Structures are given as C-alpha cells and as structure tokens.
C-alpha atoms as a PDB file:
ATOM      1  CA  MET A   1      24.292   2.330  24.718  1.00  0.00           C
ATOM      2  CA  ILE A   2      21.845   4.975  23.211  1.00  0.00           C
ATOM      3  CA  LYS A   3      22.923   7.155  20.290  1.00  0.00           C
ATOM      4  CA  PHE A   4      21.283   9.838  17.949  1.00  0.00           C
ATOM      5  CA  ILE A   5      21.379   7.969  14.427  1.00  0.00           C
ATOM      6  CA  ALA A   6      20.321   8.875  10.887  1.00  0.00           C
ATOM      7  CA  ALA A   7      17.273   7.614   9.607  1.00  0.00           C
ATOM      8  CA  ASN A   8      18.749   5.599   6.984  1.00  0.00           C
ATOM      9  CA  ASP A   9      20.476   3.497   9.953  1.00  0.00           C
ATOM     10  CA  LEU A  10      17.316   2.110  11.222  1.00  0.00           C
ATOM     11  CA  LEU A  11      15.532   1.308   8.064  1.00  0.00           C
ATOM     12  CA  ALA A  12      16.361  -2.428   8.084  1.00  0.00           C
ATOM     13  CA  ILE A  13      15.226  -2.593  11.569  1.00  0.00           C
ATOM     14  CA  ARG A  14      11.910  -1.149  10.525  1.00  0.00           C
ATOM     15  CA  SER A  15      11.543  -3.335   7.434  1.00  0.00           C
ATOM     16  CA  GLU A  16      12.484  -6.488   9.761  1.00  0.00           C
ATOM     17  CA  VAL A  17      10.446  -5.956  12.578  1.00  0.00           C
ATOM     18  CA  LEU A  18       7.537  -3.619  11.344  1.00  0.00           C
ATOM     19  CA  ARG A  19       6.972  -4.165   7.919  1.00  0.00           C
ATOM     20  CA  ASP A  20       7.566  -7.984   7.252  1.00  0.00           C
ATOM     21  CA  GLY A  21      10.610  -7.826   5.309  1.00  0.00           C
ATOM     22  CA  ALA A  22       9.199  -4.909   2.891  1.00  0.00           C
ATOM     23  CA  PRO A  23      12.004  -3.362   0.640  1.00  0.00           C
ATOM     24  CA  ILE A  24      13.925  -0.646   2.470  1.00  0.00           C
ATOM     25  CA  GLU A  25      12.551   2.004   0.421  1.00  0.00           C
ATOM     26  CA  ASP A  26       8.740   1.219   1.619  1.00  0.00           C
ATOM     27  CA  CYS A  27      10.101   1.860   5.108  1.00  0.00           C
ATOM     28  CA  ILE A  28      10.944   5.412   4.722  1.00  0.00           C
ATOM     29  CA  PHE A  29       8.478   7.521   6.297  1.00  0.00           C
ATOM     30  CA  PRO A  30       7.589  11.208   5.061  1.00  0.00           C
ATOM     31  CA  THR A  31       8.484  12.680   8.293  1.00  0.00           C
ATOM     32  CA  ASP A  32      12.109  11.417   8.784  1.00  0.00           C
ATOM     33  CA  ASN A  33      13.730  14.502   7.877  1.00  0.00           C
ATOM     34  CA  LEU A  34      11.561  17.002   9.003  1.00  0.00           C
ATOM     35  CA  PRO A  35      12.872  19.809  10.787  1.00  0.00           C
ATOM     36  CA  GLY A  36      13.116  19.091  14.385  1.00  0.00           C
ATOM     37  CA  ALA A  37      12.704  15.041  13.958  1.00  0.00           C
ATOM     38  CA  PHE A  38      15.309  12.875  15.386  1.00  0.00           C
ATOM     39  CA  HIS A  39      16.268   9.109  15.524  1.00  0.00           C
ATOM     40  CA  LEU A  40      17.548   7.055  18.446  1.00  0.00           C
ATOM     41  CA  GLY A  41      19.263   3.644  18.441  1.00  0.00           C
ATOM     42  CA  TYR A  42      20.060   1.389  21.268  1.00  0.00           C
ATOM     43  CA  TYR A  43      23.133  -0.470  20.573  1.00  0.00           C
ATOM     44  CA  VAL A  44      24.343  -3.619  22.224  1.00  0.00           C
ATOM     45  CA  ARG A  45      28.068  -3.815  21.426  1.00  0.00           C
ATOM     46  CA  GLU A  46      28.241  -2.739  17.772  1.00  0.00           C
ATOM     47  CA  GLU A  47      24.782  -4.284  17.016  1.00  0.00           C
ATOM     48  CA  LEU A  48      21.672  -1.666  16.677  1.00  0.00           C
ATOM     49  CA  ALA A  49      19.383  -3.471  18.687  1.00  0.00           C
ATOM     50  CA  CYS A  50      16.382  -1.067  19.070  1.00  0.00           C
ATOM     51  CA  VAL A  51      15.268   1.948  17.322  1.00  0.00           C
ATOM     52  CA  ALA A  52      12.659   4.948  17.292  1.00  0.00           C
ATOM     53  CA  SER A  53      11.718   8.006  15.640  1.00  0.00           C
ATOM     54  CA  PHE A  54      10.433  11.245  16.773  1.00  0.00           C
ATOM     55  CA  HIS A  55       9.132  14.518  14.853  1.00  0.00           C
ATOM     56  CA  PRO A  56       6.923  17.548  15.738  1.00  0.00           C
ATOM     57  CA  GLN A  57       3.518  17.033  15.237  1.00  0.00           C
ATOM     58  CA  ASN A  58       0.496  18.243  17.272  1.00  0.00           C
ATOM     59  CA  TYR A  59      -2.312  15.646  18.061  1.00  0.00           C
ATOM     60  CA  ARG A  60      -5.754  17.364  17.346  1.00  0.00           C
ATOM     61  CA  GLU A  61      -6.675  19.773  20.109  1.00  0.00           C
ATOM     62  CA  TYR A  62      -3.803  18.714  22.319  1.00  0.00           C
ATOM     63  CA  SER A  63      -2.259  22.130  23.171  1.00  0.00           C
ATOM     64  CA  GLY A  64       1.197  22.990  23.109  1.00  0.00           C
ATOM     65  CA  THR A  65       4.394  21.180  21.430  1.00  0.00           C
ATOM     66  CA  GLY A  66       3.463  17.825  20.604  1.00  0.00           C
ATOM     67  CA  TYR A  67       5.946  15.318  18.979  1.00  0.00           C
ATOM     68  CA  GLN A  68       4.982  12.019  17.343  1.00  0.00           C
ATOM     69  CA  LEU A  69       6.853   8.878  18.279  1.00  0.00           C
ATOM     70  CA  ARG A  70       6.941   6.377  14.997  1.00  0.00           C
ATOM     71  CA  GLY A  71       8.711   3.157  14.198  1.00  0.00           C
ATOM     72  CA  MET A  72       9.552   2.052  17.563  1.00  0.00           C
ATOM     73  CA  ALA A  73      10.726  -1.508  16.613  1.00  0.00           C
ATOM     74  CA  THR A  74      13.140  -3.889  18.854  1.00  0.00           C
ATOM     75  CA  VAL A  75      15.003  -7.071  17.203  1.00  0.00           C
ATOM     76  CA  GLU A  76      13.621 -10.137  18.394  1.00  0.00           C
ATOM     77  CA  ARG A  77      16.670 -11.554  20.120  1.00  0.00           C
ATOM     78  CA  HIS A  78      16.934  -8.448  22.191  1.00  0.00           C
ATOM     79  CA  ARG A  79      13.221  -8.080  23.391  1.00  0.00           C
ATOM     80  CA  GLY A  80      12.335  -8.347  26.788  1.00  0.00           C
ATOM     81  CA  LYS A  81      15.660  -7.077  28.218  1.00  0.00           C
ATOM     82  CA  GLY A  82      14.509  -3.556  28.583  1.00  0.00           C
ATOM     83  CA  LEU A  83      15.959  -1.662  25.638  1.00  0.00           C
ATOM     84  CA  GLY A  84      12.836  -0.162  24.519  1.00  0.00           C
ATOM     85  CA  ASN A  85      12.017   1.010  28.036  1.00  0.00           C
ATOM     86  CA  GLN A  86      15.590   3.058  28.076  1.00  0.00           C
ATOM     87  CA  LEU A  87      15.083   3.901  24.650  1.00  0.00           C
ATOM     88  CA  LEU A  88      11.935   5.842  25.144  1.00  0.00           C
ATOM     89  CA  ASN A  89      12.915   7.494  28.636  1.00  0.00           C
ATOM     90  CA  PHE A  90      15.907   8.683  26.879  1.00  0.00           C
ATOM     91  CA  GLY A  91      13.732  10.082  24.071  1.00  0.00           C
ATOM     92  CA  ILE A  92      11.392  11.724  26.735  1.00  0.00           C
ATOM     93  CA  VAL A  93      14.245  13.155  28.781  1.00  0.00           C
ATOM     94  CA  TYR A  94      15.513  14.922  25.426  1.00  0.00           C
ATOM     95  CA  LEU A  95      11.964  16.136  24.632  1.00  0.00           C
ATOM     96  CA  ARG A  96      11.721  17.808  27.784  1.00  0.00           C
ATOM     97  CA  GLY A  97      14.953  19.465  27.341  1.00  0.00           C
ATOM     98  CA  GLN A  98      13.385  20.674  23.836  1.00  0.00           C
ATOM     99  CA  LYS A  99      10.198  22.049  25.609  1.00  0.00           C
ATOM    100  CA  ALA A 100       8.089  19.632  24.128  1.00  0.00           C
ATOM    101  CA  SER A 101       4.392  19.306  26.191  1.00  0.00           C
ATOM    102  CA  TYR A 102       3.587  15.925  25.075  1.00  0.00           C
ATOM    103  CA  LEU A 103       4.259  12.807  23.123  1.00  0.00           C
ATOM    104  CA  TRP A 104       1.748  10.653  21.274  1.00  0.00           C
ATOM    105  CA  CYS A 105       1.993   7.731  18.905  1.00  0.00           C
ATOM    106  CA  ASN A 106      -0.156   5.229  16.885  1.00  0.00           C
ATOM    107  CA  ALA A 107       0.590   1.943  19.146  1.00  0.00           C
ATOM    108  CA  ARG A 108      -0.068  -1.517  17.663  1.00  0.00           C
ATOM    109  CA  LYS A 109      -2.807  -3.309  19.583  1.00  0.00           C
ATOM    110  CA  LYS A 110       0.031  -5.930  20.868  1.00  0.00           C
ATOM    111  CA  ALA A 111       2.377  -2.900  22.004  1.00  0.00           C
ATOM    112  CA  ILE A 112      -0.265  -1.539  24.562  1.00  0.00           C
ATOM    113  CA  GLN A 113       0.916  -2.583  27.793  1.00  0.00           C
ATOM    114  CA  PHE A 114       4.372  -1.572  26.863  1.00  0.00           C
ATOM    115  CA  TYR A 115       3.077   1.909  26.571  1.00  0.00           C
ATOM    116  CA  LEU A 116       0.799   1.692  29.575  1.00  0.00           C
ATOM    117  CA  ASN A 117       3.939   0.885  31.477  1.00  0.00           C
ATOM    118  CA  MET A 118       5.753   3.825  30.428  1.00  0.00           C
ATOM    119  CA  GLY A 119       3.139   6.040  31.451  1.00  0.00           C
ATOM    120  CA  PHE A 120       0.806   6.505  28.195  1.00  0.00           C
ATOM    121  CA  GLU A 121      -2.476   6.335  28.327  1.00  0.00           C
ATOM    122  CA  VAL A 122      -5.150   5.182  25.342  1.00  0.00           C
ATOM    123  CA  ILE A 123      -6.896   8.397  23.776  1.00  0.00           C
ATOM    124  CA  SER A 124      -8.483   6.938  20.903  1.00  0.00           C
ATOM    125  CA  PRO A 125     -10.827   4.164  19.858  1.00  0.00           C
ATOM    126  CA  GLU A 126      -9.112   1.132  18.255  1.00  0.00           C
ATOM    127  CA  PHE A 127      -8.779   1.746  14.155  1.00  0.00           C
ATOM    128  CA  GLU A 128      -7.242  -0.478  11.514  1.00  0.00           C
ATOM    129  CA  VAL A 129      -4.100   0.567   9.988  1.00  0.00           C
ATOM    130  CA  PRO A 130      -4.027  -1.200   6.265  1.00  0.00           C
ATOM    131  CA  ALA A 131      -1.822  -3.950   6.062  1.00  0.00           C
ATOM    132  CA  ILE A 132      -0.525  -3.665   9.473  1.00  0.00           C
ATOM    133  CA  GLY A 133      -3.593  -4.105  11.985  1.00  0.00           C
ATOM    134  CA  PRO A 134      -5.264  -2.870  14.894  1.00  0.00           C
ATOM    135  CA  HIS A 135      -3.588   0.461  16.590  1.00  0.00           C
ATOM    136  CA  TYR A 136      -4.677   2.853  19.515  1.00  0.00           C
ATOM    137  CA  VAL A 137      -3.613   6.448  19.858  1.00  0.00           C
ATOM    138  CA  MET A 138      -1.956   6.787  23.087  1.00  0.00           C
ATOM    139  CA  TYR A 139      -0.215  10.094  24.759  1.00  0.00           C
ATOM    140  CA  VAL A 140       1.585  10.866  27.491  1.00  0.00           C
ATOM    141  CA  LYS A 141       2.427  14.622  29.032  1.00  0.00           C
ATOM    142  CA  ILE A 142       5.701  15.594  29.116  1.00  0.00           C
ATOM    143  CA  GLN A 143       5.498  18.879  30.953  1.00  0.00           C
END
C-alpha cells in the first residue's frame, strides 16, 4: 500500500540504502520540509519497503512547474518486485493532478535503466556526487 508519509518516517531507509548506514541526522535533506514537498512510502504489510521524496524545484531552463525526485530507495529484500515502479507512478499521477510540468532527478549510474524504463531521459553528462558516486540528471515530462 502506498501512503503519504512524514520525512522522519523514511530516514532509516535513506540511511540504510542510500548512505551506507550514515547517522539519521546526516540523511535529512534541506528540501524535506519545503512548501509543496511530499514523501511517499510503499508498505508491505506493516513494513516500510520503498520511499521517495518530491519537492518543487525547476531545472535550469526547463519551463513550467518542475519537481525534483530525491531519495528514492527500496530495502534490499523487496527489490525486483516492482514496488519502486508503482511508487514512482503514483508520484507522477499525483504531480499531474498538482499541475506539475515535469519531474527530474539526479540518478545514480546504477539506477539509469530503472528510470529509462519509467520514461525518463538522460539530460546531462555523467557527474560525480562526492562520497556517493556517478550520477546523471534525468527528466520526464508530466504534462
């Protein structure tokens, strides 16, 4: 089941999956509580298995209302089951209802195929995020 959740609810998964077990306080994004930001969680029974955060943020010269996707992560035992696909689709449908024009993200190199399968396109050369690794900016038009 997909639910809107509080930023604090997803910090443990960010730490485990995205930050190699970093302290929870190091997993808080400055954008977590911006007006218009929201967080989604996919629950398998009572367990939070997949998370993603979205906040209003235009990307460079792209016109319209942009949102950035950040911190998308699925706990290892639930990967490969389509949870991330469903969660991201839910977020895109919600953003369409909010009249967002596009969604973009800084995608880890190892996640490129997932985003391509979701309809995103690569719009930047590869770049390095310190202490995390290689990334690309990716984009999908919503409306």
